[in-house]
PDB file of all heavy atoms in Angstrom:
ATOM      1  N   TYR A   1      -4.107  -1.197   8.635  1.00  0.00           N
ATOM      2  CA  TYR A   1      -3.427  -2.234   7.876  1.00  0.00           C
ATOM      3  C   TYR A   1      -2.731  -1.665   6.635  1.00  0.00           C
ATOM      4  O   TYR A   1      -1.599  -1.949   6.325  1.00  0.00           O
ATOM      5  CB  TYR A   1      -4.428  -3.299   7.497  1.00  0.00           C
ATOM      6  CG  TYR A   1      -3.882  -4.440   6.664  1.00  0.00           C
ATOM      7  CD1 TYR A   1      -3.111  -5.433   7.253  1.00  0.00           C
ATOM      8  CD2 TYR A   1      -4.028  -4.486   5.278  1.00  0.00           C
ATOM      9  CE1 TYR A   1      -2.586  -6.488   6.511  1.00  0.00           C
ATOM     10  CE2 TYR A   1      -3.504  -5.515   4.546  1.00  0.00           C
ATOM     11  CZ  TYR A   1      -2.775  -6.510   5.149  1.00  0.00           C
ATOM     12  OH  TYR A   1      -2.233  -7.531   4.401  1.00  0.00           O
ATOM     13  N   ALA A   2      -3.449  -0.784   5.925  1.00  0.00           N
ATOM     14  CA  ALA A   2      -2.924  -0.157   4.671  1.00  0.00           C
ATOM     15  C   ALA A   2      -1.732   0.696   5.060  1.00  0.00           C
ATOM     16  O   ALA A   2      -0.695   0.663   4.351  1.00  0.00           O
ATOM     17  CB  ALA A   2      -3.986   0.677   3.983  1.00  0.00           C
ATOM     18  N   ARG A   3      -1.750   1.467   6.140  1.00  0.00           N
ATOM     19  CA  ARG A   3      -0.679   2.316   6.511  1.00  0.00           C
ATOM     20  C   ARG A   3       0.570   1.476   6.866  1.00  0.00           C
ATOM     21  O   ARG A   3       1.711   1.790   6.476  1.00  0.00           O
ATOM     22  CB  ARG A   3      -0.963   3.215   7.671  1.00  0.00           C
ATOM     23  CG  ARG A   3      -1.896   4.373   7.354  1.00  0.00           C
ATOM     24  CD  ARG A   3      -2.007   5.387   8.483  1.00  0.00           C
ATOM     25  NE  ARG A   3      -2.383   4.757   9.750  1.00  0.00           N
ATOM     26  CZ  ARG A   3      -3.652   4.620  10.189  1.00  0.00           C
ATOM     27  NH1 ARG A   3      -4.663   4.974   9.410  1.00  0.00           N
ATOM     28  NH2 ARG A   3      -3.964   4.056  11.372  1.00  0.00           N
ATOM     29  N   GLN A   4       0.373   0.403   7.584  1.00  0.00           N
ATOM     30  CA  GLN A   4       1.493  -0.426   7.995  1.00  0.00           C
ATOM     31  C   GLN A   4       2.100  -1.163   6.742  1.00  0.00           C
ATOM     32  O   GLN A   4       3.295  -1.219   6.630  1.00  0.00           O
ATOM     33  CB  GLN A   4       1.045  -1.467   8.954  1.00  0.00           C
ATOM     34  CG  GLN A   4       0.730  -0.965  10.345  1.00  0.00           C
ATOM     35  CD  GLN A   4       0.100  -1.989  11.280  1.00  0.00           C
ATOM     36  OE1 GLN A   4      -0.305  -3.044  10.883  1.00  0.00           O
ATOM     37  NE2 GLN A   4       0.081  -1.684  12.538  1.00  0.00           N
ATOM     38  N   PHE A   5       1.246  -1.597   5.878  1.00  0.00           N
ATOM     39  CA  PHE A   5       1.657  -2.309   4.714  1.00  0.00           C
ATOM     40  C   PHE A   5       2.469  -1.363   3.791  1.00  0.00           C
ATOM     41  O   PHE A   5       3.519  -1.748   3.252  1.00  0.00           O
ATOM     42  CB  PHE A   5       0.426  -2.814   3.909  1.00  0.00           C
ATOM     43  CG  PHE A   5       0.719  -3.760   2.798  1.00  0.00           C
ATOM     44  CD1 PHE A   5       0.830  -5.149   2.998  1.00  0.00           C
ATOM     45  CD2 PHE A   5       0.942  -3.292   1.523  1.00  0.00           C
ATOM     46  CE1 PHE A   5       1.127  -6.009   1.980  1.00  0.00           C
ATOM     47  CE2 PHE A   5       1.164  -4.169   0.468  1.00  0.00           C
ATOM     48  CZ  PHE A   5       1.275  -5.537   0.691  1.00  0.00           C
ATOM     49  N   VAL A   6       1.937  -0.151   3.629  1.00  0.00           N
ATOM     50  CA  VAL A   6       2.631   0.803   2.742  1.00  0.00           C
ATOM     51  C   VAL A   6       3.991   1.184   3.373  1.00  0.00           C
ATOM     52  O   VAL A   6       4.980   1.310   2.653  1.00  0.00           O
ATOM     53  CB  VAL A   6       1.771   2.069   2.531  1.00  0.00           C
ATOM     54  CG1 VAL A   6       2.537   3.247   1.999  1.00  0.00           C
ATOM     55  CG2 VAL A   6       0.581   1.729   1.612  1.00  0.00           C
ATOM     56  N   ARG A   7       4.066   1.381   4.673  1.00  0.00           N
ATOM     57  CA  ARG A   7       5.297   1.695   5.299  1.00  0.00           C
ATOM     58  C   ARG A   7       6.318   0.600   5.144  1.00  0.00           C
ATOM     59  O   ARG A   7       7.499   0.832   4.796  1.00  0.00           O
ATOM     60  CB  ARG A   7       5.105   2.016   6.814  1.00  0.00           C
ATOM     61  CG  ARG A   7       6.362   2.505   7.507  1.00  0.00           C
ATOM     62  CD  ARG A   7       6.125   2.743   8.983  1.00  0.00           C
ATOM     63  NE  ARG A   7       5.588   1.531   9.695  1.00  0.00           N
ATOM     64  CZ  ARG A   7       6.298   0.520  10.079  1.00  0.00           C
ATOM     65  NH1 ARG A   7       7.578   0.468   9.820  1.00  0.00           N
ATOM     66  NH2 ARG A   7       5.715  -0.498  10.681  1.00  0.00           N
ATOM     67  N   LEU A   8       5.881  -0.635   5.343  1.00  0.00           N
ATOM     68  CA  LEU A   8       6.790  -1.778   5.195  1.00  0.00           C
ATOM     69  C   LEU A   8       7.299  -1.883   3.736  1.00  0.00           C
ATOM     70  O   LEU A   8       8.484  -2.002   3.495  1.00  0.00           O
ATOM     71  CB  LEU A   8       6.084  -3.061   5.613  1.00  0.00           C
ATOM     72  CG  LEU A   8       6.845  -4.386   5.296  1.00  0.00           C
ATOM     73  CD1 LEU A   8       7.968  -4.527   6.262  1.00  0.00           C
ATOM     74  CD2 LEU A   8       5.917  -5.542   5.345  1.00  0.00           C
ATOM     75  N   ARG A   9       6.385  -1.872   2.838  1.00  0.00           N
ATOM     76  CA  ARG A   9       6.765  -2.061   1.433  1.00  0.00           C
ATOM     77  C   ARG A   9       7.486  -0.852   0.828  1.00  0.00           C
ATOM     78  O   ARG A   9       8.373  -0.996   0.005  1.00  0.00           O
ATOM     79  CB  ARG A   9       5.537  -2.370   0.585  1.00  0.00           C
ATOM     80  CG  ARG A   9       4.794  -3.658   0.912  1.00  0.00           C
ATOM     81  CD  ARG A   9       5.697  -4.866   0.589  1.00  0.00           C
ATOM     82  NE  ARG A   9       5.150  -6.117   0.985  1.00  0.00           N
ATOM     83  CZ  ARG A   9       4.454  -6.909   0.105  1.00  0.00           C
ATOM     84  NH1 ARG A   9       4.306  -6.563  -1.147  1.00  0.00           N
ATOM     85  NH2 ARG A   9       3.996  -8.052   0.514  1.00  0.00           N
ATOM     86  N   GLY A  10       7.126   0.309   1.218  1.00  0.00           N
ATOM     87  CA  GLY A  10       7.727   1.536   0.703  1.00  0.00           C
ATOM     88  C   GLY A  10       9.029   1.842   1.298  1.00  0.00           C
ATOM     89  O   GLY A  10      10.019   2.146   0.545  1.00  0.00           O
ATOM     90  N   GLU A  11       9.153   1.785   2.595  1.00  0.00           N
ATOM     91  CA  GLU A  11      10.382   2.188   3.231  1.00  0.00           C
ATOM     92  C   GLU A  11      11.388   1.080   3.377  1.00  0.00           C
ATOM     93  O   GLU A  11      12.591   1.304   3.190  1.00  0.00           O
ATOM     94  CB  GLU A  11      10.121   2.760   4.584  1.00  0.00           C
ATOM     95  CG  GLU A  11       9.308   4.043   4.603  1.00  0.00           C
ATOM     96  CD  GLU A  11       8.877   4.565   5.958  1.00  0.00           C
ATOM     97  OE1 GLU A  11       9.286   3.969   6.959  1.00  0.00           O
ATOM     98  OE2 GLU A  11       8.094   5.530   6.025  1.00  0.00           O
ATOM     99  N   LEU A  12      10.937  -0.120   3.720  1.00  0.00           N
ATOM    100  CA  LEU A  12      11.901  -1.225   3.920  1.00  0.00           C
ATOM    101  C   LEU A  12      12.221  -1.978   2.652  1.00  0.00           C
ATOM    102  O   LEU A  12      13.351  -2.267   2.391  1.00  0.00           O
ATOM    103  CB  LEU A  12      11.373  -2.130   4.966  1.00  0.00           C
ATOM    104  CG  LEU A  12      11.167  -1.499   6.385  1.00  0.00           C
ATOM    105  CD1 LEU A  12      10.601  -2.484   7.362  1.00  0.00           C
ATOM    106  CD2 LEU A  12      12.445  -0.899   6.909  1.00  0.00           C
ATOM    107  N   ARG A  13      11.260  -2.315   1.888  1.00  0.00           N
ATOM    108  CA  ARG A  13      11.428  -3.110   0.670  1.00  0.00           C
ATOM    109  C   ARG A  13      11.680  -2.212  -0.537  1.00  0.00           C
ATOM    110  O   ARG A  13      11.991  -2.736  -1.613  1.00  0.00           O
ATOM    111  CB  ARG A  13      10.236  -4.042   0.403  1.00  0.00           C
ATOM    112  CG  ARG A  13      10.086  -5.112   1.371  1.00  0.00           C
ATOM    113  CD  ARG A  13       9.092  -6.103   0.891  1.00  0.00           C
ATOM    114  NE  ARG A  13       8.872  -7.169   1.847  1.00  0.00           N
ATOM    115  CZ  ARG A  13       8.028  -8.173   1.620  1.00  0.00           C
ATOM    116  NH1 ARG A  13       7.305  -8.229   0.518  1.00  0.00           N
ATOM    117  NH2 ARG A  13       7.901  -9.128   2.523  1.00  0.00           N
ATOM    118  N   LYS A  14      11.483  -0.955  -0.415  1.00  0.00           N
ATOM    119  CA  LYS A  14      11.744  -0.005  -1.492  1.00  0.00           C
ATOM    120  C   LYS A  14      10.928  -0.320  -2.732  1.00  0.00           C
ATOM    121  O   LYS A  14      11.416  -0.387  -3.876  1.00  0.00           O
ATOM    122  CB  LYS A  14      13.246   0.048  -1.887  1.00  0.00           C
ATOM    123  CG  LYS A  14      14.148   0.254  -0.724  1.00  0.00           C
ATOM    124  CD  LYS A  14      14.093   1.645  -0.202  1.00  0.00           C
ATOM    125  CE  LYS A  14      15.137   1.873   0.836  1.00  0.00           C
ATOM    126  NZ  LYS A  14      14.752   2.734   1.886  1.00  0.00           N
ATOM    127  N   GLN A  15       9.635  -0.530  -2.557  1.00  0.00           N
ATOM    128  CA  GLN A  15       8.726  -0.745  -3.679  1.00  0.00           C
ATOM    129  C   GLN A  15       7.959   0.516  -4.022  1.00  0.00           C
ATOM    130  O   GLN A  15       7.844   1.408  -3.189  1.00  0.00           O
ATOM    131  CB  GLN A  15       7.733  -1.855  -3.352  1.00  0.00           C
ATOM    132  CG  GLN A  15       8.396  -3.218  -3.227  1.00  0.00           C
ATOM    133  CD  GLN A  15       7.424  -4.325  -2.896  1.00  0.00           C
ATOM    134  OE1 GLN A  15       6.342  -4.070  -2.479  1.00  0.00           O
ATOM    135  NE2 GLN A  15       7.837  -5.542  -3.093  1.00  0.00           N
ATOM    136  N   GLY A  16       7.493   0.591  -5.273  1.00  0.00           N
ATOM    137  CA  GLY A  16       6.793   1.756  -5.749  1.00  0.00           C
ATOM    138  C   GLY A  16       5.271   1.712  -5.493  1.00  0.00           C
ATOM    139  O   GLY A  16       4.737   0.700  -5.087  1.00  0.00           O
ATOM    140  N   ALA A  17       4.643   2.840  -5.734  1.00  0.00           N
ATOM    141  CA  ALA A  17       3.210   3.000  -5.363  1.00  0.00           C
ATOM    142  C   ALA A  17       2.350   2.079  -6.202  1.00  0.00           C
ATOM    143  O   ALA A  17       1.351   1.504  -5.702  1.00  0.00           O
ATOM    144  CB  ALA A  17       2.798   4.451  -5.629  1.00  0.00           C
ATOM    145  N   PHE A  18       2.690   1.832  -7.492  1.00  0.00           N
ATOM    146  CA  PHE A  18       1.847   0.964  -8.320  1.00  0.00           C
ATOM    147  C   PHE A  18       1.828  -0.485  -7.775  1.00  0.00           C
ATOM    148  O   PHE A  18       0.773  -1.140  -7.698  1.00  0.00           O
ATOM    149  CB  PHE A  18       2.306   0.929  -9.767  1.00  0.00           C
ATOM    150  CG  PHE A  18       2.172   2.273 -10.464  1.00  0.00           C
ATOM    151  CD1 PHE A  18       3.269   2.866 -11.063  1.00  0.00           C
ATOM    152  CD2 PHE A  18       0.956   2.892 -10.531  1.00  0.00           C
ATOM    153  CE1 PHE A  18       3.166   4.082 -11.692  1.00  0.00           C
ATOM    154  CE2 PHE A  18       0.840   4.137 -11.157  1.00  0.00           C
ATOM    155  CZ  PHE A  18       1.929   4.752 -11.733  1.00  0.00           C
ATOM    156  N   ARG A  19       2.952  -0.980  -7.357  1.00  0.00           N
ATOM    157  CA  ARG A  19       3.060  -2.363  -6.850  1.00  0.00           C
ATOM    158  C   ARG A  19       2.372  -2.436  -5.517  1.00  0.00           C
ATOM    159  O   ARG A  19       1.622  -3.407  -5.265  1.00  0.00           O
ATOM    160  CB  ARG A  19       4.576  -2.710  -6.726  1.00  0.00           C
ATOM    161  CG  ARG A  19       4.842  -3.966  -5.971  1.00  0.00           C
ATOM    162  CD  ARG A  19       4.824  -5.207  -6.845  1.00  0.00           C
ATOM    163  NE  ARG A  19       5.066  -6.334  -6.122  1.00  0.00           N
ATOM    164  CZ  ARG A  19       6.251  -7.004  -6.114  1.00  0.00           C
ATOM    165  NH1 ARG A  19       7.259  -6.530  -6.751  1.00  0.00           N
ATOM    166  NH2 ARG A  19       6.394  -8.144  -5.476  1.00  0.00           N
ATOM    167  N   ILE A  20       2.567  -1.462  -4.659  1.00  0.00           N
ATOM    168  CA  ILE A  20       1.943  -1.479  -3.343  1.00  0.00           C
ATOM    169  C   ILE A  20       0.406  -1.464  -3.446  1.00  0.00           C
ATOM    170  O   ILE A  20      -0.274  -2.231  -2.787  1.00  0.00           O
ATOM    171  CB  ILE A  20       2.463  -0.342  -2.482  1.00  0.00           C
ATOM    172  CG1 ILE A  20       3.965  -0.481  -2.179  1.00  0.00           C
ATOM    173  CG2 ILE A  20       1.676  -0.281  -1.171  1.00  0.00           C
ATOM    174  CD1 ILE A  20       4.639   0.701  -1.571  1.00  0.00           C
ATOM    175  N   ALA A  21      -0.065  -0.585  -4.332  1.00  0.00           N
ATOM    176  CA  ALA A  21      -1.541  -0.482  -4.497  1.00  0.00           C
ATOM    177  C   ALA A  21      -2.106  -1.787  -5.052  1.00  0.00           C
ATOM    178  O   ALA A  21      -3.160  -2.218  -4.610  1.00  0.00           O
ATOM    179  CB  ALA A  21      -1.845   0.661  -5.451  1.00  0.00           C
ATOM    180  N   ARG A  22      -1.408  -2.383  -6.024  1.00  0.00           N
ATOM    181  CA  ARG A  22      -1.890  -3.656  -6.542  1.00  0.00           C
ATOM    182  C   ARG A  22      -1.942  -4.729  -5.511  1.00  0.00           C
ATOM    183  O   ARG A  22      -2.918  -5.498  -5.426  1.00  0.00           O
ATOM    184  CB  ARG A  22      -0.989  -4.104  -7.739  1.00  0.00           C
ATOM    185  CG  ARG A  22      -1.459  -5.358  -8.418  1.00  0.00           C
ATOM    186  CD  ARG A  22      -0.473  -5.818  -9.410  1.00  0.00           C
ATOM    187  NE  ARG A  22       0.718  -6.349  -8.726  1.00  0.00           N
ATOM    188  CZ  ARG A  22       1.915  -6.319  -9.212  1.00  0.00           C
ATOM    189  NH1 ARG A  22       2.142  -5.838 -10.425  1.00  0.00           N
ATOM    190  NH2 ARG A  22       2.944  -6.823  -8.552  1.00  0.00           N
ATOM    191  N   ASP A  23      -0.862  -4.843  -4.694  1.00  0.00           N
ATOM    192  CA  ASP A  23      -0.898  -5.843  -3.639  1.00  0.00           C
ATOM    193  C   ASP A  23      -1.974  -5.624  -2.577  1.00  0.00           C
ATOM    194  O   ASP A  23      -2.581  -6.572  -2.115  1.00  0.00           O
ATOM    195  CB  ASP A  23       0.477  -5.905  -2.995  1.00  0.00           C
ATOM    196  CG  ASP A  23       1.580  -6.426  -3.901  1.00  0.00           C
ATOM    197  OD1 ASP A  23       1.254  -7.011  -4.934  1.00  0.00           O
ATOM    198  OD2 ASP A  23       2.766  -6.293  -3.526  1.00  0.00           O
ATOM    199  N   LEU A  24      -2.213  -4.353  -2.256  1.00  0.00           N
ATOM    200  CA  LEU A  24      -3.234  -4.090  -1.255  1.00  0.00           C
ATOM    201  C   LEU A  24      -4.668  -4.369  -1.811  1.00  0.00           C
ATOM    202  O   LEU A  24      -5.527  -4.851  -1.121  1.00  0.00           O
ATOM    203  CB  LEU A  24      -3.198  -2.619  -0.796  1.00  0.00           C
ATOM    204  CG  LEU A  24      -2.148  -2.339   0.248  1.00  0.00           C
ATOM    205  CD1 LEU A  24      -2.021  -0.810   0.459  1.00  0.00           C
ATOM    206  CD2 LEU A  24      -2.512  -3.003   1.577  1.00  0.00           C
ATOM    207  N   ARG A  25      -4.840  -4.072  -3.112  1.00  0.00           N
ATOM    208  CA  ARG A  25      -6.148  -4.434  -3.756  1.00  0.00           C
ATOM    209  C   ARG A  25      -6.408  -5.918  -3.743  1.00  0.00           C
ATOM    210  O   ARG A  25      -7.511  -6.429  -3.537  1.00  0.00           O
ATOM    211  CB  ARG A  25      -6.241  -3.837  -5.148  1.00  0.00           C
ATOM    212  CG  ARG A  25      -6.536  -2.408  -5.194  1.00  0.00           C
ATOM    213  CD  ARG A  25      -6.724  -1.861  -6.623  1.00  0.00           C
ATOM    214  NE  ARG A  25      -6.743  -0.428  -6.548  1.00  0.00           N
ATOM    215  CZ  ARG A  25      -5.690   0.324  -6.857  1.00  0.00           C
ATOM    216  NH1 ARG A  25      -4.572  -0.179  -7.253  1.00  0.00           N
ATOM    217  NH2 ARG A  25      -5.782   1.650  -6.801  1.00  0.00           N
ATOM    218  N   ALA A  26      -5.302  -6.698  -3.964  1.00  0.00           N
ATOM    219  CA  ALA A  26      -5.430  -8.150  -3.949  1.00  0.00           C
ATOM    220  C   ALA A  26      -5.715  -8.645  -2.569  1.00  0.00           C
ATOM    221  O   ALA A  26      -6.330  -9.738  -2.428  1.00  0.00           O
ATOM    222  CB  ALA A  26      -4.090  -8.789  -4.448  1.00  0.00           C
ATOM    223  N   ARG A  27      -5.432  -7.901  -1.524  1.00  0.00           N
ATOM    224  CA  ARG A  27      -5.762  -8.288  -0.179  1.00  0.00           C
ATOM    225  C   ARG A  27      -7.136  -7.736   0.290  1.00  0.00           C
ATOM    226  O   ARG A  27      -7.478  -7.891   1.448  1.00  0.00           O
ATOM    227  CB  ARG A  27      -4.655  -7.779   0.767  1.00  0.00           C
ATOM    228  CG  ARG A  27      -3.405  -8.572   0.654  1.00  0.00           C
ATOM    229  CD  ARG A  27      -2.287  -7.881   1.434  1.00  0.00           C
ATOM    230  NE  ARG A  27      -1.183  -8.762   1.764  1.00  0.00           N
ATOM    231  CZ  ARG A  27      -0.242  -9.222   0.907  1.00  0.00           C
ATOM    232  NH1 ARG A  27      -0.359  -8.887  -0.341  1.00  0.00           N
ATOM    233  NH2 ARG A  27       0.695  -9.999   1.331  1.00  0.00           N
ATOM    234  N   GLY A  28      -7.847  -7.096  -0.644  1.00  0.00           N
ATOM    235  CA  GLY A  28      -9.195  -6.691  -0.321  1.00  0.00           C
ATOM    236  C   GLY A  28      -9.367  -5.368   0.401  1.00  0.00           C
ATOM    237  O   GLY A  28     -10.375  -5.106   1.006  1.00  0.00           O
ATOM    238  N   VAL A  29      -8.284  -4.579   0.418  1.00  0.00           N
ATOM    239  CA  VAL A  29      -8.369  -3.250   1.126  1.00  0.00           C
ATOM    240  C   VAL A  29      -9.036  -2.240   0.176  1.00  0.00           C
ATOM    241  O   VAL A  29      -8.683  -2.158  -0.982  1.00  0.00           O
ATOM    242  CB  VAL A  29      -6.920  -2.787   1.458  1.00  0.00           C
ATOM    243  CG1 VAL A  29      -6.970  -1.413   2.148  1.00  0.00           C
ATOM    244  CG2 VAL A  29      -6.251  -3.802   2.359  1.00  0.00           C
ATOM    245  N   PRO A  30      -9.986  -1.505   0.670  1.00  0.00           N
ATOM    246  CA  PRO A  30     -10.679  -0.478  -0.133  1.00  0.00           C
ATOM    247  C   PRO A  30      -9.763   0.607  -0.618  1.00  0.00           C
ATOM    248  O   PRO A  30      -8.772   0.937   0.010  1.00  0.00           O
ATOM    249  CB  PRO A  30     -11.718   0.120   0.833  1.00  0.00           C
ATOM    250  CG  PRO A  30     -11.893  -0.848   1.922  1.00  0.00           C
ATOM    251  CD  PRO A  30     -10.549  -1.525   2.040  1.00  0.00           C
ATOM    252  N   ASP A  31     -10.095   1.119  -1.779  1.00  0.00           N
ATOM    253  CA  ASP A  31      -9.181   2.161  -2.427  1.00  0.00           C
ATOM    254  C   ASP A  31      -9.015   3.406  -1.612  1.00  0.00           C
ATOM    255  O   ASP A  31      -7.966   4.029  -1.671  1.00  0.00           O
ATOM    256  CB  ASP A  31      -9.761   2.509  -3.802  1.00  0.00           C
ATOM    257  CG  ASP A  31      -9.561   1.461  -4.840  1.00  0.00           C
ATOM    258  OD1 ASP A  31      -8.589   0.643  -4.669  1.00  0.00           O
ATOM    259  OD2 ASP A  31     -10.228   1.405  -5.894  1.00  0.00           O
ATOM    260  N   ARG A  32     -10.008   3.807  -0.896  1.00  0.00           N
ATOM    261  CA  ARG A  32      -9.879   5.051  -0.055  1.00  0.00           C
ATOM    262  C   ARG A  32      -8.783   4.885   0.954  1.00  0.00           C
ATOM    263  O   ARG A  32      -8.027   5.855   1.204  1.00  0.00           O
ATOM    264  CB  ARG A  32     -11.196   5.429   0.596  1.00  0.00           C
ATOM    265  CG  ARG A  32     -11.703   4.475   1.638  1.00  0.00           C
ATOM    266  CD  ARG A  32     -13.053   4.961   2.274  1.00  0.00           C
ATOM    267  NE  ARG A  32     -13.449   4.055   3.306  1.00  0.00           N
ATOM    268  CZ  ARG A  32     -14.121   2.925   3.138  1.00  0.00           C
ATOM    269  NH1 ARG A  32     -14.456   2.520   1.939  1.00  0.00           N
ATOM    270  NH2 ARG A  32     -14.398   2.213   4.179  1.00  0.00           N
ATOM    271  N   HIS A  33      -8.605   3.696   1.545  1.00  0.00           N
ATOM    272  CA  HIS A  33      -7.532   3.503   2.491  1.00  0.00           C
ATOM    273  C   HIS A  33      -6.164   3.379   1.825  1.00  0.00           C
ATOM    274  O   HIS A  33      -5.142   3.866   2.302  1.00  0.00           O
ATOM    275  CB  HIS A  33      -7.777   2.217   3.319  1.00  0.00           C
ATOM    276  CG  HIS A  33      -9.029   2.255   4.114  1.00  0.00           C
ATOM    277  ND1 HIS A  33      -9.360   3.308   4.958  1.00  0.00           N
ATOM    278  CD2 HIS A  33     -10.044   1.312   4.229  1.00  0.00           C
ATOM    279  CE1 HIS A  33     -10.513   3.033   5.542  1.00  0.00           C
ATOM    280  NE2 HIS A  33     -10.931   1.844   5.087  1.00  0.00           N
ATOM    281  N   ILE A  34      -6.145   2.807   0.665  1.00  0.00           N
ATOM    282  CA  ILE A  34      -4.915   2.694  -0.141  1.00  0.00           C
ATOM    283  C   ILE A  34      -4.456   4.061  -0.535  1.00  0.00           C
ATOM    284  O   ILE A  34      -3.250   4.398  -0.351  1.00  0.00           O
ATOM    285  CB  ILE A  34      -5.115   1.832  -1.374  1.00  0.00           C
ATOM    286  CG1 ILE A  34      -5.446   0.351  -0.996  1.00  0.00           C
ATOM    287  CG2 ILE A  34      -3.892   1.831  -2.320  1.00  0.00           C
ATOM    288  CD1 ILE A  34      -5.923  -0.510  -2.164  1.00  0.00           C
ATOM    289  N   ASP A  35      -5.323   4.918  -1.019  1.00  0.00           N
ATOM    290  CA  ASP A  35      -4.987   6.258  -1.509  1.00  0.00           C
ATOM    291  C   ASP A  35      -4.441   7.089  -0.338  1.00  0.00           C
ATOM    292  O   ASP A  35      -3.437   7.822  -0.471  1.00  0.00           O
ATOM    293  CB  ASP A  35      -6.134   6.921  -2.154  1.00  0.00           C
ATOM    294  CG  ASP A  35      -6.549   6.247  -3.442  1.00  0.00           C
ATOM    295  OD1 ASP A  35      -5.742   5.510  -4.050  1.00  0.00           O
ATOM    296  OD2 ASP A  35      -7.704   6.451  -3.929  1.00  0.00           O
ATOM    297  N   ALA A  36      -5.044   6.988   0.833  1.00  0.00           N
ATOM    298  CA  ALA A  36      -4.645   7.790   1.956  1.00  0.00           C
ATOM    299  C   ALA A  36      -3.263   7.303   2.430  1.00  0.00           C
ATOM    300  O   ALA A  36      -2.386   8.139   2.768  1.00  0.00           O
ATOM    301  CB  ALA A  36      -5.676   7.661   3.136  1.00  0.00           C
ATOM    302  N   ALA A  37      -3.035   6.008   2.450  1.00  0.00           N
ATOM    303  CA  ALA A  37      -1.760   5.522   2.928  1.00  0.00           C
ATOM    304  C   ALA A  37      -0.648   5.854   1.982  1.00  0.00           C
ATOM    305  O   ALA A  37       0.485   6.224   2.355  1.00  0.00           O
ATOM    306  CB  ALA A  37      -1.822   3.983   3.153  1.00  0.00           C
ATOM    307  N   LEU A  38      -0.884   5.764   0.677  1.00  0.00           N
ATOM    308  CA  LEU A  38       0.073   6.129  -0.359  1.00  0.00           C
ATOM    309  C   LEU A  38       0.385   7.605  -0.343  1.00  0.00           C
ATOM    310  O   LEU A  38       1.516   8.056  -0.593  1.00  0.00           O
ATOM    311  CB  LEU A  38      -0.366   5.663  -1.732  1.00  0.00           C
ATOM    312  CG  LEU A  38      -0.284   4.203  -1.975  1.00  0.00           C
ATOM    313  CD1 LEU A  38      -0.896   3.838  -3.307  1.00  0.00           C
ATOM    314  CD2 LEU A  38       1.116   3.682  -1.885  1.00  0.00           C
ATOM    315  N   ALA A  39      -0.621   8.446   0.027  1.00  0.00           N
ATOM    316  CA  ALA A  39      -0.392   9.887   0.097  1.00  0.00           C
ATOM    317  C   ALA A  39       0.561  10.151   1.300  1.00  0.00           C
ATOM    318  O   ALA A  39       1.453  11.054   1.172  1.00  0.00           O
ATOM    319  CB  ALA A  39      -1.666  10.652   0.322  1.00  0.00           C
TER     320      ALA A  39
END
């Protein structure tokens, strides 16, 4: 879920890492998955 979300928001919507991480945390995704997807 985190990988798909990061790909959608980063590549298609052209959002930055801070915004993507904040939105994923609000959806209850653990930080380890967020960090891996953002990397």
